[in-house]
Amino acid sequence: MPAYVGRMSRIACPLAMRHVLAGVIVLLGCSLLLADTRRAAVKPRGAVTVVYVGAEDCAPCRAWRRDERPAFLSSGVFPSITYREVIVSRLTDLLAQAQWPADLEFLRQQVRSRPGAPQWFVVEDGRVTTWEAGLSAWRRVVWPTIRLQAAAGPAG
């Protein structure tokens, strides 16, 4: 048997063991990653708060309150969320500080960058997750988001 064959088998064996060992380490790392993912998936989410911003002299706002709000308030989702409203008498007063509760001041600052009504904020654990404006946004984005987040929340 040639001398180089013996040397090759001694070199090949440690290389093969390194590949096997590397594979085991990768599998172990993946299993730990998947175990963490499962735990994160069942981690309870925070409370969902929905804030409606509108005005009495705003036709789209009146339409939403007349046509959409009653179904929303009587929905099965409603008991699992917190709902707040900021309704001013005139659209021109929408940004007036006196019209806003102190704990929603952070939302008033956002409305300042996108004035108009109606607007909806979906807030989870004090963080805005969805912010939309305009009557069509309710059915297109806001209502589906509320149902999804409320269903995933601890009370959903």
Protein backbone atom coordinates (compact mmCIF):
# COMPACT_ATOMS: atom_id res chain seq x y z
CA MET A 1 0.00 0.00 0.00
CA PRO A 2 1.46 3.34 -0.96
CA ALA A 3 2.45 5.64 1.88
CA TYR A 4 0.23 8.52 0.71
CA VAL A 5 -2.97 6.42 1.09
CA GLY A 6 -2.35 6.03 4.81
CA ARG A 7 -1.75 9.76 5.14
CA MET A 8 -4.92 10.54 3.17
CA SER A 9 -7.10 8.38 5.40
CA ARG A 10 -5.67 10.05 8.50
CA ILE A 11 -6.41 13.50 6.99
CA ALA A 12 -9.83 12.54 5.57
CA CYS A 13 -11.11 11.09 8.83
CA PRO A 14 -10.57 14.24 10.89
CA LEU A 15 -12.14 16.31 8.05
CA ALA A 16 -15.18 14.06 7.97
CA MET A 17 -15.50 14.32 11.76
CA ARG A 18 -15.32 18.11 11.49
CA HIS A 19 -18.19 18.10 8.98
CA VAL A 20 -20.28 15.82 11.18
CA LEU A 21 -19.52 17.92 14.23
CA ALA A 22 -20.38 21.11 12.33
CA GLY A 23 -23.68 19.54 11.21
CA VAL A 24 -24.55 18.58 14.77
CA ILE A 25 -23.81 22.13 15.95
CA VAL A 26 -25.97 23.61 13.18
CA LEU A 27 -28.85 21.25 14.04
CA LEU A 28 -28.56 22.08 17.72
CA GLY A 29 -28.56 25.81 16.95
CA CYS A 30 -31.62 25.43 14.70
CA SER A 31 -33.51 23.46 17.33
CA LEU A 32 -32.79 26.16 19.91
CA LEU A 33 -33.93 28.81 17.44
CA LEU A 34 -37.17 26.93 16.72
CA ALA A 35 -37.79 26.36 20.41
CA ASP A 36 -37.45 30.11 20.99
CA THR A 37 -39.77 30.85 18.06
CA ARG A 38 -42.51 28.66 19.49
CA ARG A 39 -42.21 30.37 22.85
CA ALA A 40 -42.42 33.81 21.21
CA ALA A 41 -45.51 32.76 19.26
CA VAL A 42 -47.50 32.01 22.41
CA LYS A 43 -46.23 35.01 24.32
CA PRO A 44 -49.29 37.09 25.26
CA ARG A 45 -49.69 40.40 23.49
CA GLY A 46 -50.56 43.65 25.17
CA ALA A 47 -53.91 45.35 25.35
CA VAL A 48 -55.24 46.86 22.14
CA THR A 49 -56.60 50.41 22.20
CA VAL A 50 -58.43 51.97 19.27
CA VAL A 51 -58.64 55.75 19.08
CA TYR A 52 -61.08 57.42 16.70
CA VAL A 53 -60.45 61.07 15.79
CA GLY A 54 -63.26 63.02 14.16
CA ALA A 55 -65.28 66.21 14.02
CA GLU A 56 -68.99 67.03 14.18
CA ASP A 57 -68.83 69.16 11.02
CA CYS A 58 -66.99 66.46 9.03
CA ALA A 59 -69.32 64.61 6.63
CA PRO A 60 -67.13 61.45 6.38
CA CYS A 61 -66.89 61.39 10.19
CA ARG A 62 -70.65 61.61 10.57
CA ALA A 63 -71.06 58.86 7.94
CA TRP A 64 -68.68 56.55 9.83
CA ARG A 65 -70.38 57.19 13.17
CA ARG A 66 -73.80 56.56 11.60
CA ASP A 67 -72.96 53.58 9.34
CA GLU A 68 -69.93 51.75 10.77
CA ARG A 69 -69.58 52.57 14.46
CA PRO A 70 -72.79 50.78 15.62
CA ALA A 71 -71.62 47.45 14.13
CA PHE A 72 -68.15 47.98 15.59
CA LEU A 73 -69.52 48.73 19.08
CA SER A 74 -71.74 45.63 19.01
CA SER A 75 -69.11 43.32 17.52
CA GLY A 76 -67.63 40.39 19.38
CA VAL A 77 -64.23 42.09 19.16
CA PHE A 78 -65.28 45.24 20.99
CA PRO A 79 -65.25 43.83 24.57
CA SER A 80 -61.62 42.73 24.13
CA ILE A 81 -60.27 46.20 23.29
CA THR A 82 -60.22 49.68 24.79
CA TYR A 83 -61.96 52.28 22.66
CA ARG A 84 -61.43 56.02 22.87
CA GLU A 85 -62.81 58.92 20.85
CA VAL A 86 -61.62 62.45 20.24
CA ILE A 87 -64.50 64.29 18.59
CA VAL A 88 -64.27 68.04 18.20
CA SER A 89 -67.13 70.28 17.16
CA ARG A 90 -65.30 71.83 14.20
CA LEU A 91 -62.66 70.27 12.00
CA THR A 92 -60.61 73.45 12.33
CA ASP A 93 -60.30 72.68 16.07
CA LEU A 94 -58.95 69.18 15.51
CA LEU A 95 -55.46 70.09 16.70
CA ALA A 96 -56.50 72.31 19.61
CA GLN A 97 -54.75 71.00 22.69
CA ALA A 98 -57.79 71.61 24.89
CA GLN A 99 -59.75 69.07 22.83
CA TRP A 100 -57.35 66.20 23.57
CA PRO A 101 -57.01 64.15 26.75
CA ALA A 102 -53.50 64.50 28.19
CA ASP A 103 -52.75 60.78 27.81
CA LEU A 104 -53.45 61.00 24.04
CA GLU A 105 -51.21 64.01 23.42
CA PHE A 106 -48.71 61.81 21.59
CA LEU A 107 -51.42 61.06 19.01
CA ARG A 108 -52.29 64.74 18.59
CA GLN A 109 -48.69 65.33 17.56
CA GLN A 110 -49.07 62.67 14.85
CA VAL A 111 -52.35 64.16 13.63
CA ARG A 112 -50.50 67.46 13.23
CA SER A 113 -48.44 65.84 10.43
CA ARG A 114 -51.54 64.46 8.67
CA PRO A 115 -54.43 66.82 9.45
CA GLY A 116 -57.95 65.79 8.58
CA ALA A 117 -60.58 63.36 9.73
CA PRO A 118 -61.66 60.73 10.32
CA GLN A 119 -58.52 59.08 11.62
CA TRP A 120 -57.97 55.88 13.55
CA PHE A 121 -55.07 54.76 15.67
CA VAL A 122 -54.58 51.19 16.77
CA VAL A 123 -52.26 51.23 19.78
CA GLU A 124 -50.71 48.23 21.46
CA ASP A 125 -48.69 48.59 24.66
CA GLY A 126 -48.50 52.36 24.10
CA ARG A 127 -47.08 51.95 20.57
CA VAL A 128 -49.04 52.91 17.45
CA THR A 129 -49.25 49.83 15.24
CA THR A 130 -51.70 51.24 12.69
CA TRP A 131 -52.58 54.81 11.76
CA GLU A 132 -54.98 55.48 8.91
CA ALA A 133 -57.13 58.36 7.72
CA GLY A 134 -60.16 58.66 5.48
CA LEU A 135 -63.51 56.92 5.47
CA SER A 136 -62.41 54.09 3.15
CA ALA A 137 -59.49 53.24 5.45
CA TRP A 138 -61.89 51.82 8.05
CA ARG A 139 -62.98 48.80 6.01
CA ARG A 140 -59.79 48.50 4.00
CA VAL A 141 -57.20 48.59 6.83
CA VAL A 142 -58.38 49.59 10.29
CA TRP A 143 -61.21 47.12 10.95
CA PRO A 144 -59.22 44.09 9.67
CA THR A 145 -56.26 45.17 11.82
CA ILE A 146 -58.41 45.54 14.93
CA ARG A 147 -59.92 42.08 14.46
CA LEU A 148 -56.50 40.52 13.90
CA GLN A 149 -54.82 42.21 16.88
CA ALA A 150 -57.75 41.66 19.23
CA ALA A 151 -57.88 37.97 18.30
CA ALA A 152 -54.17 37.62 19.05
CA GLY A 153 -54.37 39.54 22.34
CA PRO A 154 -54.67 38.00 25.80
CA ALA A 155 -58.41 38.64 25.97
CA GLY A 156 -59.04 37.63 22.32
